[in-house]
Amino acid sequence: MAASGQALMNLLPDGYRALVIGASGTIGAEFVALLAADPRSGEVIGLHRHSFPAIDMQDEQSMAAAATALSGSTPFHLVIHAAGLLHDADLMPEKKLSDLRASNLMKSFSVNAIGPALVLRYFTPLLSSEGSRMIFLSAKVGSIGDNRLGGWYGYRASKAALNMLVKTASIELKRTMPGAIVIAMHPGTVNSKLSKPFGGEVKGRPAGVACLEMLQTIDALKSEQSGQFLSYSADALPW
């Protein structure tokens, strides 16, 4: 972990503003805590379904309203989208084709791809023109080139869709907001509620360690990396 009082985001302007979407989750909450403790940060806002303003990845109106509520303040230099769905009470990753259900596929795409697409729509206008960064947490299992085990149809496909959305948005933003960097990032295995049913509490790193590693990579990003799919350790991952 970073030493107390040690700056984390050295390449952002002093007093930078950060926004974390999905701040009620294990990873999102840790991002908020680390950024709030950064002596160079000016303000850190965390959004989730019960924050004010509230945001729900399956409710476009809530996204538009949240963006509107925040639009009157100074722009954000860092936006991290940490919301995602792997499983819930009614959904588990599919092991075989016979496990596929339209309703579960639609839920996976709604949260993991459509939601982030609408975040891009509503929140990119809130980015600062001063070298801002927008990070979407993806997953290595969303890599088509790295898929060797199969299974997990909905989660894999929805994260692959997220990667395409991020790549496509980065091309547009190069023209309209050349100072913005937008990437998809694989956080690695983290000890969290999302990974617990799959041994994450044994195989995963603590959330504080994982988020610190990601922030170090985010801080070092260069403009030419916009649109890439990176691991927490800054390694480029295959699409």
C-alpha atoms as a PDB file:
ATOM      1  CA  MET A   1       0.000   0.000   0.000  1.00  0.00           C
ATOM      2  CA  ALA A   2       1.046   3.598  -0.474  1.00  0.00           C
ATOM      3  CA  ALA A   3       2.493   5.293   2.563  1.00  0.00           C
ATOM      4  CA  SER A   4       0.160   7.658   4.386  1.00  0.00           C
ATOM      5  CA  GLY A   5       0.199  11.079   2.762  1.00  0.00           C
ATOM      6  CA  GLN A   6       2.009   9.823  -0.347  1.00  0.00           C
ATOM      7  CA  ALA A   7       0.688  11.239  -3.620  1.00  0.00           C
ATOM      8  CA  LEU A   8      -0.901   8.720  -5.984  1.00  0.00           C
ATOM      9  CA  MET A   9      -1.922  10.649  -9.091  1.00  0.00           C
ATOM     10  CA  ASN A  10       1.139  12.714  -9.866  1.00  0.00           C
ATOM     11  CA  LEU A  11       0.361  13.477 -13.512  1.00  0.00           C
ATOM     12  CA  LEU A  12      -3.089  14.931 -12.885  1.00  0.00           C
ATOM     13  CA  PRO A  13      -3.429  18.620 -11.960  1.00  0.00           C
ATOM     14  CA  ASP A  14      -3.072  19.491  -8.296  1.00  0.00           C
ATOM     15  CA  GLY A  15      -6.522  19.512  -6.722  1.00  0.00           C
ATOM     16  CA  TYR A  16      -7.887  17.122  -9.348  1.00  0.00           C
ATOM     17  CA  ARG A  17     -11.507  15.944  -9.192  1.00  0.00           C
ATOM     18  CA  ALA A  18     -12.304  12.227  -9.413  1.00  0.00           C
ATOM     19  CA  LEU A  19     -15.525  10.305  -9.933  1.00  0.00           C
ATOM     20  CA  VAL A  20     -15.996   6.613  -9.166  1.00  0.00           C
ATOM     21  CA  ILE A  21     -19.105   4.911 -10.571  1.00  0.00           C
ATOM     22  CA  GLY A  22     -20.013   1.715  -8.764  1.00  0.00           C
ATOM     23  CA  ALA A  23     -18.616   3.031  -5.489  1.00  0.00           C
ATOM     24  CA  SER A  24     -20.623   0.659  -3.266  1.00  0.00           C
ATOM     25  CA  GLY A  25     -18.745  -2.422  -4.505  1.00  0.00           C
ATOM     26  CA  THR A  26     -15.532  -3.737  -2.963  1.00  0.00           C
ATOM     27  CA  ILE A  27     -13.279  -2.315  -5.684  1.00  0.00           C
ATOM     28  CA  GLY A  28     -15.201   0.921  -6.158  1.00  0.00           C
ATOM     29  CA  ALA A  29     -15.210   1.694  -2.433  1.00  0.00           C
ATOM     30  CA  GLU A  30     -11.457   1.100  -2.250  1.00  0.00           C
ATOM     31  CA  PHE A  31     -10.852   3.440  -5.183  1.00  0.00           C
ATOM     32  CA  VAL A  32     -12.821   6.153  -3.367  1.00  0.00           C
ATOM     33  CA  ALA A  33     -10.850   5.620  -0.154  1.00  0.00           C
ATOM     34  CA  LEU A  34      -7.446   5.684  -1.852  1.00  0.00           C
ATOM     35  CA  LEU A  35      -8.208   8.730  -3.980  1.00  0.00           C
ATOM     36  CA  ALA A  36      -9.713  10.636  -1.052  1.00  0.00           C
ATOM     37  CA  ALA A  37      -6.484  10.014   0.895  1.00  0.00           C
ATOM     38  CA  ASP A  38      -4.319  11.322  -1.952  1.00  0.00           C
ATOM     39  CA  PRO A  39      -2.974  14.712  -0.796  1.00  0.00           C
ATOM     40  CA  ARG A  40      -3.184  15.968  -4.391  1.00  0.00           C
ATOM     41  CA  SER A  41      -6.904  15.257  -4.826  1.00  0.00           C
ATOM     42  CA  GLY A  42      -9.397  18.070  -4.518  1.00  0.00           C
ATOM     43  CA  GLU A  43     -12.664  16.142  -4.500  1.00  0.00           C
ATOM     44  CA  VAL A  44     -13.666  12.500  -4.887  1.00  0.00           C
ATOM     45  CA  ILE A  45     -17.294  11.589  -5.602  1.00  0.00           C
ATOM     46  CA  GLY A  46     -18.642   8.046  -5.469  1.00  0.00           C
ATOM     47  CA  LEU A  47     -21.860   7.109  -7.242  1.00  0.00           C
ATOM     48  CA  HIS A  48     -24.007   4.004  -6.765  1.00  0.00           C
ATOM     49  CA  ARG A  49     -27.671   3.045  -6.563  1.00  0.00           C
ATOM     50  CA  HIS A  50     -28.112   4.641  -3.124  1.00  0.00           C
ATOM     51  CA  SER A  51     -25.846   7.690  -3.459  1.00  0.00           C
ATOM     52  CA  PHE A  52     -27.030  11.230  -4.076  1.00  0.00           C
ATOM     53  CA  PRO A  53     -27.324  11.577  -6.961  1.00  0.00           C
ATOM     54  CA  ALA A  54     -28.067   7.891  -7.481  1.00  0.00           C
ATOM     55  CA  ILE A  55     -27.076   5.867 -10.525  1.00  0.00           C
ATOM     56  CA  ASP A  56     -28.283   2.483 -11.763  1.00  0.00           C
ATOM     57  CA  MET A  57     -26.667   0.734 -14.729  1.00  0.00           C
ATOM     58  CA  GLN A  58     -30.071  -0.546 -15.842  1.00  0.00           C
ATOM     59  CA  ASP A  59     -31.776   2.851 -15.658  1.00  0.00           C
ATOM     60  CA  GLU A  60     -30.760   5.341 -18.354  1.00  0.00           C
ATOM     61  CA  GLN A  61     -32.779   8.126 -16.746  1.00  0.00           C
ATOM     62  CA  SER A  62     -30.719   7.818 -13.550  1.00  0.00           C
ATOM     63  CA  MET A  63     -27.490   8.152 -15.550  1.00  0.00           C
ATOM     64  CA  ALA A  64     -28.702  11.243 -17.356  1.00  0.00           C
ATOM     65  CA  ALA A  65     -29.951  12.782 -14.111  1.00  0.00           C
ATOM     66  CA  ALA A  66     -26.700  12.050 -12.261  1.00  0.00           C
ATOM     67  CA  ALA A  67     -24.625  13.596 -15.042  1.00  0.00           C
ATOM     68  CA  THR A  68     -26.866  16.657 -15.067  1.00  0.00           C
ATOM     69  CA  ALA A  69     -26.586  17.010 -11.296  1.00  0.00           C
ATOM     70  CA  LEU A  70     -22.776  17.004 -11.516  1.00  0.00           C
ATOM     71  CA  SER A  71     -22.480  19.167 -14.608  1.00  0.00           C
ATOM     72  CA  GLY A  72     -22.576  22.453 -12.721  1.00  0.00           C
ATOM     73  CA  SER A  73     -19.252  21.789 -10.978  1.00  0.00           C
ATOM     74  CA  THR A  74     -15.747  21.989 -12.375  1.00  0.00           C
ATOM     75  CA  PRO A  75     -14.847  19.129 -14.752  1.00  0.00           C
ATOM     76  CA  PHE A  76     -13.508  15.740 -13.680  1.00  0.00           C
ATOM     77  CA  HIS A  77      -9.919  14.769 -14.350  1.00  0.00           C
ATOM     78  CA  LEU A  78     -10.452  11.095 -13.508  1.00  0.00           C
ATOM     79  CA  VAL A  79     -13.542   8.906 -13.971  1.00  0.00           C
ATOM     80  CA  ILE A  80     -13.416   5.224 -12.990  1.00  0.00           C
ATOM     81  CA  HIS A  81     -16.304   2.950 -13.911  1.00  0.00           C
ATOM     82  CA  ALA A  82     -16.162   0.030 -11.478  1.00  0.00           C
ATOM     83  CA  ALA A  83     -19.725  -1.297 -11.780  1.00  0.00           C
ATOM     84  CA  GLY A  84     -20.260  -4.765 -13.231  1.00  0.00           C
ATOM     85  CA  LEU A  85     -22.212  -8.000 -12.958  1.00  0.00           C
ATOM     86  CA  LEU A  86     -20.870 -11.548 -12.893  1.00  0.00           C
ATOM     87  CA  HIS A  87     -23.534 -13.213 -10.764  1.00  0.00           C
ATOM     88  CA  ASP A  88     -26.524 -12.466  -8.572  1.00  0.00           C
ATOM     89  CA  ALA A  89     -29.302 -14.427  -6.887  1.00  0.00           C
ATOM     90  CA  ASP A  90     -30.716 -15.483 -10.267  1.00  0.00           C
ATOM     91  CA  LEU A  91     -27.625 -15.566 -12.471  1.00  0.00           C
ATOM     92  CA  MET A  92     -24.398 -17.580 -12.471  1.00  0.00           C
ATOM     93  CA  PRO A  93     -21.817 -17.852 -15.281  1.00  0.00           C
ATOM     94  CA  GLU A  94     -22.884 -20.461 -17.820  1.00  0.00           C
ATOM     95  CA  LYS A  95     -20.725 -23.578 -18.088  1.00  0.00           C
ATOM     96  CA  LYS A  96     -22.317 -24.908 -21.270  1.00  0.00           C
ATOM     97  CA  LEU A  97     -24.674 -23.904 -24.081  1.00  0.00           C
ATOM     98  CA  SER A  98     -27.643 -25.593 -22.420  1.00  0.00           C
ATOM     99  CA  ASP A  99     -27.271 -23.138 -19.515  1.00  0.00           C
ATOM    100  CA  LEU A 100     -27.986 -20.109 -21.709  1.00  0.00           C
ATOM    101  CA  ARG A 101     -31.076 -18.047 -20.873  1.00  0.00           C
ATOM    102  CA  ALA A 102     -32.169 -14.961 -22.793  1.00  0.00           C
ATOM    103  CA  SER A 103     -33.054 -13.099 -19.603  1.00  0.00           C
ATOM    104  CA  ASN A 104     -29.629 -13.679 -18.076  1.00  0.00           C
ATOM    105  CA  LEU A 105     -27.823 -12.707 -21.264  1.00  0.00           C
ATOM    106  CA  MET A 106     -29.841  -9.493 -21.440  1.00  0.00           C
ATOM    107  CA  LYS A 107     -29.022  -8.700 -17.791  1.00  0.00           C
ATOM    108  CA  SER A 108     -25.294  -9.260 -18.375  1.00  0.00           C
ATOM    109  CA  PHE A 109     -25.274  -7.013 -21.432  1.00  0.00           C
ATOM    110  CA  SER A 110     -27.442  -4.408 -19.726  1.00  0.00           C
ATOM    111  CA  VAL A 111     -25.038  -3.964 -16.804  1.00  0.00           C
ATOM    112  CA  ASN A 112     -21.665  -4.750 -18.409  1.00  0.00           C
ATOM    113  CA  ALA A 113     -22.028  -3.171 -21.851  1.00  0.00           C
ATOM    114  CA  ILE A 114     -25.134  -1.011 -22.310  1.00  0.00           C
ATOM    115  CA  GLY A 115     -24.694   0.699 -18.941  1.00  0.00           C
ATOM    116  CA  PRO A 116     -21.066   1.672 -19.624  1.00  0.00           C
ATOM    117  CA  ALA A 117     -22.017   2.822 -23.143  1.00  0.00           C
ATOM    118  CA  LEU A 118     -24.502   5.241 -21.613  1.00  0.00           C
ATOM    119  CA  VAL A 119     -21.895   6.344 -19.073  1.00  0.00           C
ATOM    120  CA  LEU A 120     -19.725   7.250 -22.057  1.00  0.00           C
ATOM    121  CA  ARG A 121     -22.609   9.192 -23.545  1.00  0.00           C
ATOM    122  CA  TYR A 122     -23.561  11.164 -20.452  1.00  0.00           C
ATOM    123  CA  PHE A 123     -20.277  11.570 -18.594  1.00  0.00           C
ATOM    124  CA  THR A 124     -17.663  12.287 -21.265  1.00  0.00           C
ATOM    125  CA  PRO A 125     -18.973  15.897 -21.498  1.00  0.00           C
ATOM    126  CA  LEU A 126     -17.979  16.255 -17.820  1.00  0.00           C
ATOM    127  CA  LEU A 127     -14.308  15.439 -18.506  1.00  0.00           C
ATOM    128  CA  SER A 128     -11.639  18.097 -18.142  1.00  0.00           C
ATOM    129  CA  SER A 129      -9.712  19.065 -21.255  1.00  0.00           C
ATOM    130  CA  GLU A 130      -6.516  18.894 -19.147  1.00  0.00           C
ATOM    131  CA  GLY A 131      -5.345  15.320 -19.745  1.00  0.00           C
ATOM    132  CA  SER A 132      -8.328  13.565 -18.206  1.00  0.00           C
ATOM    133  CA  ARG A 133      -8.573   9.776 -17.844  1.00  0.00           C
ATOM    134  CA  MET A 134     -11.685   7.593 -18.070  1.00  0.00           C
ATOM    135  CA  ILE A 135     -11.243   3.978 -17.010  1.00  0.00           C
ATOM    136  CA  PHE A 136     -13.703   1.115 -17.488  1.00  0.00           C
ATOM    137  CA  LEU A 137     -13.044  -2.048 -15.528  1.00  0.00           C
ATOM    138  CA  SER A 138     -13.246  -4.945 -17.956  1.00  0.00           C
ATOM    139  CA  ALA A 139     -11.988  -8.522 -17.555  1.00  0.00           C
ATOM    140  CA  LYS A 140      -9.379 -10.699 -19.214  1.00  0.00           C
ATOM    141  CA  VAL A 141     -12.077 -13.307 -19.865  1.00  0.00           C
ATOM    142  CA  GLY A 142     -13.586 -10.729 -22.237  1.00  0.00           C
ATOM    143  CA  SER A 143     -10.585 -11.203 -24.525  1.00  0.00           C
ATOM    144  CA  ILE A 144     -11.556 -13.193 -27.636  1.00  0.00           C
ATOM    145  CA  GLY A 145      -7.915 -13.909 -28.446  1.00  0.00           C
ATOM    146  CA  ASP A 146      -7.214 -15.223 -24.954  1.00  0.00           C
ATOM    147  CA  ASN A 147     -10.311 -17.430 -24.662  1.00  0.00           C
ATOM    148  CA  ARG A 148      -8.968 -20.961 -24.204  1.00  0.00           C
ATOM    149  CA  LEU A 149     -11.392 -22.473 -21.702  1.00  0.00           C
ATOM    150  CA  GLY A 150     -14.822 -21.481 -23.038  1.00  0.00           C
ATOM    151  CA  GLY A 151     -17.853 -21.139 -20.785  1.00  0.00           C
ATOM    152  CA  TRP A 152     -19.018 -17.959 -19.055  1.00  0.00           C
ATOM    153  CA  TYR A 153     -20.834 -16.968 -22.252  1.00  0.00           C
ATOM    154  CA  GLY A 154     -22.719 -13.908 -21.058  1.00  0.00           C
ATOM    155  CA  TYR A 155     -19.941 -12.405 -18.984  1.00  0.00           C
ATOM    156  CA  ARG A 156     -17.285 -12.996 -21.655  1.00  0.00           C
ATOM    157  CA  ALA A 157     -19.444 -11.593 -24.442  1.00  0.00           C
ATOM    158  CA  SER A 158     -20.639  -8.561 -22.486  1.00  0.00           C
ATOM    159  CA  LYS A 159     -17.078  -7.631 -21.508  1.00  0.00           C
ATOM    160  CA  ALA A 160     -15.939  -8.106 -25.119  1.00  0.00           C
ATOM    161  CA  ALA A 161     -18.744  -5.712 -26.099  1.00  0.00           C
ATOM    162  CA  LEU A 162     -17.543  -3.251 -23.451  1.00  0.00           C
ATOM    163  CA  ASN A 163     -14.037  -3.396 -24.909  1.00  0.00           C
ATOM    164  CA  MET A 164     -15.365  -2.558 -28.371  1.00  0.00           C
ATOM    165  CA  LEU A 165     -17.400   0.347 -26.999  1.00  0.00           C
ATOM    166  CA  VAL A 166     -14.346   1.763 -25.237  1.00  0.00           C
ATOM    167  CA  LYS A 167     -12.190   1.392 -28.343  1.00  0.00           C
ATOM    168  CA  THR A 168     -14.808   3.043 -30.553  1.00  0.00           C
ATOM    169  CA  ALA A 169     -15.366   5.917 -28.120  1.00  0.00           C
ATOM    170  CA  SER A 170     -11.624   6.526 -27.900  1.00  0.00           C
ATOM    171  CA  ILE A 171     -11.484   7.134 -31.656  1.00  0.00           C
ATOM    172  CA  GLU A 172     -14.241   9.732 -31.493  1.00  0.00           C
ATOM    173  CA  LEU A 173     -12.728  11.412 -28.438  1.00  0.00           C
ATOM    174  CA  LYS A 174      -9.355  11.689 -30.180  1.00  0.00           C
ATOM    175  CA  ARG A 175     -11.117  14.106 -32.542  1.00  0.00           C
ATOM    176  CA  THR A 176     -13.390  15.914 -30.096  1.00  0.00           C
ATOM    177  CA  MET A 177     -11.392  15.774 -26.822  1.00  0.00           C
ATOM    178  CA  PRO A 178      -7.770  15.067 -27.778  1.00  0.00           C
ATOM    179  CA  GLY A 179      -6.624  15.437 -24.166  1.00  0.00           C
ATOM    180  CA  ALA A 180      -8.801  12.560 -22.914  1.00  0.00           C
ATOM    181  CA  ILE A 181      -7.539   8.998 -22.387  1.00  0.00           C
ATOM    182  CA  VAL A 182     -10.132   6.211 -22.344  1.00  0.00           C
ATOM    183  CA  ILE A 183      -9.155   2.604 -21.658  1.00  0.00           C
ATOM    184  CA  ALA A 184     -10.553  -0.780 -20.620  1.00  0.00           C
ATOM    185  CA  MET A 185      -8.671  -2.306 -17.680  1.00  0.00           C
ATOM    186  CA  HIS A 186      -8.460  -5.841 -16.323  1.00  0.00           C
ATOM    187  CA  PRO A 187      -8.156  -5.609 -12.522  1.00  0.00           C
ATOM    188  CA  GLY A 188      -6.873  -9.150 -12.033  1.00  0.00           C
ATOM    189  CA  THR A 189      -8.393 -11.458  -9.449  1.00  0.00           C
ATOM    190  CA  VAL A 190      -9.493  -9.469  -6.407  1.00  0.00           C
ATOM    191  CA  ASN A 191     -10.868 -10.709  -3.113  1.00  0.00           C
ATOM    192  CA  SER A 192     -14.401  -9.346  -3.494  1.00  0.00           C
ATOM    193  CA  LYS A 193     -18.050 -10.329  -3.478  1.00  0.00           C
ATOM    194  CA  LEU A 194     -17.866 -10.741  -7.254  1.00  0.00           C
ATOM    195  CA  SER A 195     -15.064 -13.316  -7.101  1.00  0.00           C
ATOM    196  CA  LYS A 196     -15.947 -15.077  -3.838  1.00  0.00           C
ATOM    197  CA  PRO A 197     -17.996 -17.932  -5.407  1.00  0.00           C
ATOM    198  CA  PHE A 198     -15.003 -18.731  -7.623  1.00  0.00           C
ATOM    199  CA  GLY A 199     -12.276 -18.864  -4.977  1.00  0.00           C
ATOM    200  CA  GLY A 200     -11.420 -15.185  -5.118  1.00  0.00           C
ATOM    201  CA  GLU A 201     -10.920 -14.974  -1.375  1.00  0.00           C
ATOM    202  CA  VAL A 202      -8.079 -17.498  -1.765  1.00  0.00           C
ATOM    203  CA  LYS A 203      -6.645 -16.619  -5.181  1.00  0.00           C
ATOM    204  CA  GLY A 204      -7.350 -12.890  -5.198  1.00  0.00           C
ATOM    205  CA  ARG A 205      -5.338  -9.916  -3.964  1.00  0.00           C
ATOM    206  CA  PRO A 206      -6.809  -7.593  -1.331  1.00  0.00           C
ATOM    207  CA  ALA A 207      -8.834  -4.805  -2.922  1.00  0.00           C
ATOM    208  CA  GLY A 208      -6.485  -2.155  -1.557  1.00  0.00           C
ATOM    209  CA  VAL A 209      -3.491  -3.767  -3.259  1.00  0.00           C
ATOM    210  CA  ALA A 210      -5.360  -4.239  -6.547  1.00  0.00           C
ATOM    211  CA  CYS A 211      -6.655  -0.666  -6.644  1.00  0.00           C
ATOM    212  CA  LEU A 212      -3.263   0.788  -5.807  1.00  0.00           C
ATOM    213  CA  GLU A 213      -1.716  -1.201  -8.656  1.00  0.00           C
ATOM    214  CA  MET A 214      -4.403   0.028 -11.047  1.00  0.00           C
ATOM    215  CA  LEU A 215      -4.003   3.655  -9.947  1.00  0.00           C
ATOM    216  CA  GLN A 216      -0.257   3.456 -10.532  1.00  0.00           C
ATOM    217  CA  THR A 217      -0.914   2.249 -14.082  1.00  0.00           C
ATOM    218  CA  ILE A 218      -3.641   4.861 -14.629  1.00  0.00           C
ATOM    219  CA  ASP A 219      -1.353   7.655 -13.450  1.00  0.00           C
ATOM    220  CA  ALA A 220       1.354   6.655 -15.940  1.00  0.00           C
ATOM    221  CA  LEU A 221      -0.951   6.478 -18.984  1.00  0.00           C
ATOM    222  CA  LYS A 222       0.117   8.280 -22.143  1.00  0.00           C
ATOM    223  CA  SER A 223      -2.255   9.761 -24.719  1.00  0.00           C
ATOM    224  CA  GLU A 224      -1.260   7.195 -27.348  1.00  0.00           C
ATOM    225  CA  GLN A 225      -2.597   4.441 -25.072  1.00  0.00           C
ATOM    226  CA  SER A 226      -6.168   5.686 -25.313  1.00  0.00           C
ATOM    227  CA  GLY A 227      -8.433   2.941 -26.606  1.00  0.00           C
ATOM    228  CA  GLN A 228      -6.248   0.094 -25.343  1.00  0.00           C
ATOM    229  CA  PHE A 229      -7.177  -2.950 -23.252  1.00  0.00           C
ATOM    230  CA  LEU A 230      -4.659  -3.100 -20.402  1.00  0.00           C
ATOM    231  CA  SER A 231      -4.061  -5.204 -17.332  1.00  0.00           C
ATOM    232  CA  TYR A 232      -3.598  -3.689 -13.892  1.00  0.00           C
ATOM    233  CA  SER A 233       0.149  -4.071 -14.452  1.00  0.00           C
ATOM    234  CA  ALA A 234       0.014  -2.012 -17.705  1.00  0.00           C
ATOM    235  CA  ASP A 235       0.469  -5.040 -19.989  1.00  0.00           C
ATOM    236  CA  ALA A 236      -1.505  -4.827 -23.241  1.00  0.00           C
ATOM    237  CA  LEU A 237      -4.089  -7.606 -23.551  1.00  0.00           C
ATOM    238  CA  PRO A 238      -5.336  -9.174 -26.812  1.00  0.00           C
ATOM    239  CA  TRP A 239      -8.779  -8.220 -27.992  1.00  0.00           C
END
